Amino acid sequence: MIECVDAANGIGGHVIADGGCVYPGDVAKAFGAGSHFVMLGGMLAGHQEGETQLVDGKRYFYGMSSQSAFDTHGARKDGYRGTEGKTVTLQDKGPVRETVEQILGGVRSTCTYIGARRIKDMPKAAHFVRVNN
């Protein structure tokens, strides 16, 4: 992603980190790598503020590129049909406030560890190290 960010910044573009964020540290890593935005669908799914109904303590969730989304909202006008999202049932997570506070706390904590005053400073302050056996 770092190479993509360099290219995007060179032409005034933006990079959106998409997919796989599970922990607040994942969001911080995306910003540290230079992402301008981070998609949080999976982290925010299952909360009471979403458009899903609570059924037996669970919420039905689908990604916007899933077959469920196409069935619910219709196909794109240009005919593109690339279903890659998934449909899942999640335990109710209650209000979203706590999750958002955890995400913000994780990003703030990371900023203190790496010495970044703002999110836009994170790529300059972050250092990634490859660790393997």
C-alpha atoms as a PDB file:
ATOM      1  CA  MET A   1       0.000   0.000   0.000  1.00  0.00           C
ATOM      2  CA  ILE A   2       2.874   2.379   0.713  1.00  0.00           C
ATOM      3  CA  GLU A   3       3.835   2.436  -2.993  1.00  0.00           C
ATOM      4  CA  CYS A   4       0.215   3.171  -3.940  1.00  0.00           C
ATOM      5  CA  VAL A   5       0.105   6.058  -1.474  1.00  0.00           C
ATOM      6  CA  ASP A   6       3.282   7.555  -2.959  1.00  0.00           C
ATOM      7  CA  ALA A   7       1.776   7.370  -6.445  1.00  0.00           C
ATOM      8  CA  ALA A   8      -1.597   8.772  -5.332  1.00  0.00           C
ATOM      9  CA  ASN A   9      -0.003  11.659  -3.451  1.00  0.00           C
ATOM     10  CA  GLY A  10       2.023  12.511  -6.566  1.00  0.00           C
ATOM     11  CA  ILE A  11      -1.132  13.126  -8.599  1.00  0.00           C
ATOM     12  CA  GLY A  12      -3.418  14.495  -5.875  1.00  0.00           C
ATOM     13  CA  GLY A  13      -5.300  11.221  -5.446  1.00  0.00           C
ATOM     14  CA  HIS A  14      -6.422   9.357  -2.347  1.00  0.00           C
ATOM     15  CA  VAL A  15      -6.018   5.801  -1.071  1.00  0.00           C
ATOM     16  CA  ILE A  16      -8.753   4.011   0.852  1.00  0.00           C
ATOM     17  CA  ALA A  17      -7.736   1.023   2.973  1.00  0.00           C
ATOM     18  CA  ASP A  18     -10.442  -1.561   2.388  1.00  0.00           C
ATOM     19  CA  GLY A  19     -11.004  -4.903   3.995  1.00  0.00           C
ATOM     20  CA  GLY A  20      -9.942  -6.871   6.980  1.00  0.00           C
ATOM     21  CA  CYS A  21      -9.990  -4.318   9.798  1.00  0.00           C
ATOM     22  CA  VAL A  22     -10.851  -6.253  12.960  1.00  0.00           C
ATOM     23  CA  TYR A  23      -8.890  -4.459  15.687  1.00  0.00           C
ATOM     24  CA  PRO A  24      -8.247  -0.761  16.340  1.00  0.00           C
ATOM     25  CA  GLY A  25      -4.566  -1.449  15.555  1.00  0.00           C
ATOM     26  CA  ASP A  26      -5.556  -2.396  12.008  1.00  0.00           C
ATOM     27  CA  VAL A  27      -6.972   1.092  11.498  1.00  0.00           C
ATOM     28  CA  ALA A  28      -3.820   2.665  12.940  1.00  0.00           C
ATOM     29  CA  LYS A  29      -1.630   0.563  10.617  1.00  0.00           C
ATOM     30  CA  ALA A  30      -3.649   1.709   7.600  1.00  0.00           C
ATOM     31  CA  PHE A  31      -3.131   5.346   8.557  1.00  0.00           C
ATOM     32  CA  GLY A  32       0.529   4.668   9.328  1.00  0.00           C
ATOM     33  CA  ALA A  33       0.967   3.250   5.824  1.00  0.00           C
ATOM     34  CA  GLY A  34      -0.446   6.484   4.406  1.00  0.00           C
ATOM     35  CA  SER A  35      -4.075   5.637   3.756  1.00  0.00           C
ATOM     36  CA  HIS A  36      -6.312   8.698   3.587  1.00  0.00           C
ATOM     37  CA  PHE A  37      -9.468   6.792   4.575  1.00  0.00           C
ATOM     38  CA  VAL A  38     -10.230   3.409   6.157  1.00  0.00           C
ATOM     39  CA  MET A  39     -13.349   1.347   5.456  1.00  0.00           C
ATOM     40  CA  LEU A  40     -14.849  -0.147   8.616  1.00  0.00           C
ATOM     41  CA  GLY A  41     -17.853  -2.160   7.433  1.00  0.00           C
ATOM     42  CA  GLY A  42     -16.999  -5.311   9.371  1.00  0.00           C
ATOM     43  CA  MET A  43     -16.061  -3.432  12.550  1.00  0.00           C
ATOM     44  CA  LEU A  44     -19.270  -1.403  12.541  1.00  0.00           C
ATOM     45  CA  ALA A  45     -21.600  -4.201  11.448  1.00  0.00           C
ATOM     46  CA  GLY A  46     -23.927  -5.689  14.037  1.00  0.00           C
ATOM     47  CA  HIS A  47     -24.507  -2.528  16.053  1.00  0.00           C
ATOM     48  CA  GLN A  48     -27.972  -1.242  16.852  1.00  0.00           C
ATOM     49  CA  GLU A  49     -27.508   1.923  14.744  1.00  0.00           C
ATOM     50  CA  GLY A  50     -27.316  -0.156  11.567  1.00  0.00           C
ATOM     51  CA  GLU A  51     -30.317  -0.813   9.368  1.00  0.00           C
ATOM     52  CA  THR A  52     -30.578  -4.436  10.445  1.00  0.00           C
ATOM     53  CA  GLN A  53     -33.280  -5.876  12.670  1.00  0.00           C
ATOM     54  CA  LEU A  54     -32.468  -7.758  15.832  1.00  0.00           C
ATOM     55  CA  VAL A  55     -33.741 -11.357  15.631  1.00  0.00           C
ATOM     56  CA  ASP A  56     -33.032 -13.728  18.534  1.00  0.00           C
ATOM     57  CA  GLY A  57     -30.062 -11.610  19.657  1.00  0.00           C
ATOM     58  CA  LYS A  58     -28.457 -11.639  16.205  1.00  0.00           C
ATOM     59  CA  ARG A  59     -28.231  -9.234  13.305  1.00  0.00           C
ATOM     60  CA  TYR A  60     -28.126 -10.148   9.620  1.00  0.00           C
ATOM     61  CA  PHE A  61     -25.352  -8.264   7.792  1.00  0.00           C
ATOM     62  CA  TYR A  62     -24.189  -8.202   4.184  1.00  0.00           C
ATOM     63  CA  GLY A  63     -21.364  -6.421   2.413  1.00  0.00           C
ATOM     64  CA  MET A  64     -22.390  -4.040  -0.339  1.00  0.00           C
ATOM     65  CA  SER A  65     -20.708  -6.178  -2.981  1.00  0.00           C
ATOM     66  CA  SER A  66     -22.483  -9.363  -1.896  1.00  0.00           C
ATOM     67  CA  GLN A  67     -25.266 -11.230  -3.642  1.00  0.00           C
ATOM     68  CA  SER A  68     -27.608 -10.118  -0.827  1.00  0.00           C
ATOM     69  CA  ALA A  69     -26.885  -6.469  -1.642  1.00  0.00           C
ATOM     70  CA  PHE A  70     -27.611  -7.049  -5.345  1.00  0.00           C
ATOM     71  CA  ASP A  71     -30.856  -8.849  -4.458  1.00  0.00           C
ATOM     72  CA  THR A  72     -31.928  -6.040  -2.096  1.00  0.00           C
ATOM     73  CA  HIS A  73     -30.791  -2.928  -3.958  1.00  0.00           C
ATOM     74  CA  GLY A  74     -30.613  -4.105  -7.555  1.00  0.00           C
ATOM     75  CA  ALA A  75     -27.729  -4.485  -9.961  1.00  0.00           C
ATOM     76  CA  ARG A  76     -25.579  -1.637 -11.182  1.00  0.00           C
ATOM     77  CA  LYS A  77     -26.803   0.237 -14.234  1.00  0.00           C
ATOM     78  CA  ASP A  78     -23.599  -0.488 -16.168  1.00  0.00           C
ATOM     79  CA  GLY A  79     -24.173  -4.240 -15.853  1.00  0.00           C
ATOM     80  CA  TYR A  80     -21.155  -4.963 -13.663  1.00  0.00           C
ATOM     81  CA  ARG A  81     -21.689  -8.078 -11.495  1.00  0.00           C
ATOM     82  CA  GLY A  82     -18.700  -8.722  -9.275  1.00  0.00           C
ATOM     83  CA  THR A  83     -20.034 -10.298  -6.085  1.00  0.00           C
ATOM     84  CA  GLU A  84     -17.197 -10.457  -3.606  1.00  0.00           C
ATOM     85  CA  GLY A  85     -18.847  -9.458  -0.329  1.00  0.00           C
ATOM     86  CA  LYS A  86     -20.320 -11.881   2.144  1.00  0.00           C
ATOM     87  CA  THR A  87     -23.537 -12.326   4.070  1.00  0.00           C
ATOM     88  CA  VAL A  88     -23.235 -13.202   7.757  1.00  0.00           C
ATOM     89  CA  THR A  89     -25.233 -13.330  10.965  1.00  0.00           C
ATOM     90  CA  LEU A  90     -23.607 -11.495  13.870  1.00  0.00           C
ATOM     91  CA  GLN A  91     -24.261 -11.330  17.586  1.00  0.00           C
ATOM     92  CA  ASP A  92     -25.810  -7.998  18.501  1.00  0.00           C
ATOM     93  CA  LYS A  93     -23.015  -5.598  19.487  1.00  0.00           C
ATOM     94  CA  GLY A  94     -25.290  -2.985  21.066  1.00  0.00           C
ATOM     95  CA  PRO A  95     -24.539   0.724  20.607  1.00  0.00           C
ATOM     96  CA  VAL A  96     -21.720   1.656  18.229  1.00  0.00           C
ATOM     97  CA  ARG A  97     -20.284   4.250  20.637  1.00  0.00           C
ATOM     98  CA  GLU A  98     -17.933   1.834  22.441  1.00  0.00           C
ATOM     99  CA  THR A  99     -16.524   0.461  19.187  1.00  0.00           C
ATOM    100  CA  VAL A 100     -15.875   3.965  17.858  1.00  0.00           C
ATOM    101  CA  GLU A 101     -14.215   4.926  21.147  1.00  0.00           C
ATOM    102  CA  GLN A 102     -11.961   1.848  20.892  1.00  0.00           C
ATOM    103  CA  ILE A 103     -10.976   2.751  17.328  1.00  0.00           C
ATOM    104  CA  LEU A 104     -10.223   6.357  18.264  1.00  0.00           C
ATOM    105  CA  GLY A 105      -8.343   5.235  21.365  1.00  0.00           C
ATOM    106  CA  GLY A 106      -6.236   2.833  19.294  1.00  0.00           C
ATOM    107  CA  VAL A 107      -5.335   5.535  16.787  1.00  0.00           C
ATOM    108  CA  ARG A 108      -4.517   8.017  19.583  1.00  0.00           C
ATOM    109  CA  SER A 109      -2.389   5.426  21.373  1.00  0.00           C
ATOM    110  CA  THR A 110      -0.490   4.642  18.194  1.00  0.00           C
ATOM    111  CA  CYS A 111       0.150   8.342  17.645  1.00  0.00           C
ATOM    112  CA  THR A 112       1.736   8.604  21.090  1.00  0.00           C
ATOM    113  CA  TYR A 113       3.917   5.517  20.463  1.00  0.00           C
ATOM    114  CA  ILE A 114       5.256   6.784  17.141  1.00  0.00           C
ATOM    115  CA  GLY A 115       5.353  10.513  17.977  1.00  0.00           C
ATOM    116  CA  ALA A 116       2.707  11.685  15.518  1.00  0.00           C
ATOM    117  CA  ARG A 117       0.646  14.729  16.507  1.00  0.00           C
ATOM    118  CA  ARG A 118      -2.038  14.186  13.864  1.00  0.00           C
ATOM    119  CA  ILE A 119      -3.305  11.378  11.654  1.00  0.00           C
ATOM    120  CA  LYS A 120      -1.708  13.051   8.622  1.00  0.00           C
ATOM    121  CA  ASP A 121       1.670  12.845  10.414  1.00  0.00           C
ATOM    122  CA  MET A 122       1.409   9.093  10.983  1.00  0.00           C
ATOM    123  CA  PRO A 123       3.011   7.983   7.676  1.00  0.00           C
ATOM    124  CA  LYS A 124       6.073  10.145   8.395  1.00  0.00           C
ATOM    125  CA  ALA A 125       6.412   8.786  11.939  1.00  0.00           C
ATOM    126  CA  ALA A 126       5.546   5.106  11.397  1.00  0.00           C
ATOM    127  CA  HIS A 127       8.138   2.433  10.633  1.00  0.00           C
ATOM    128  CA  PHE A 128       7.101  -1.018   9.484  1.00  0.00           C
ATOM    129  CA  VAL A 129       9.304  -4.017  10.235  1.00  0.00           C
ATOM    130  CA  ARG A 130       8.778  -7.390   8.579  1.00  0.00           C
ATOM    131  CA  VAL A 131       8.838 -10.134  11.176  1.00  0.00           C
ATOM    132  CA  ASN A 132       8.988 -13.835  10.301  1.00  0.00           C
ATOM    133  CA  ASN A 133      10.471 -17.066  11.588  1.00  0.00           C
END
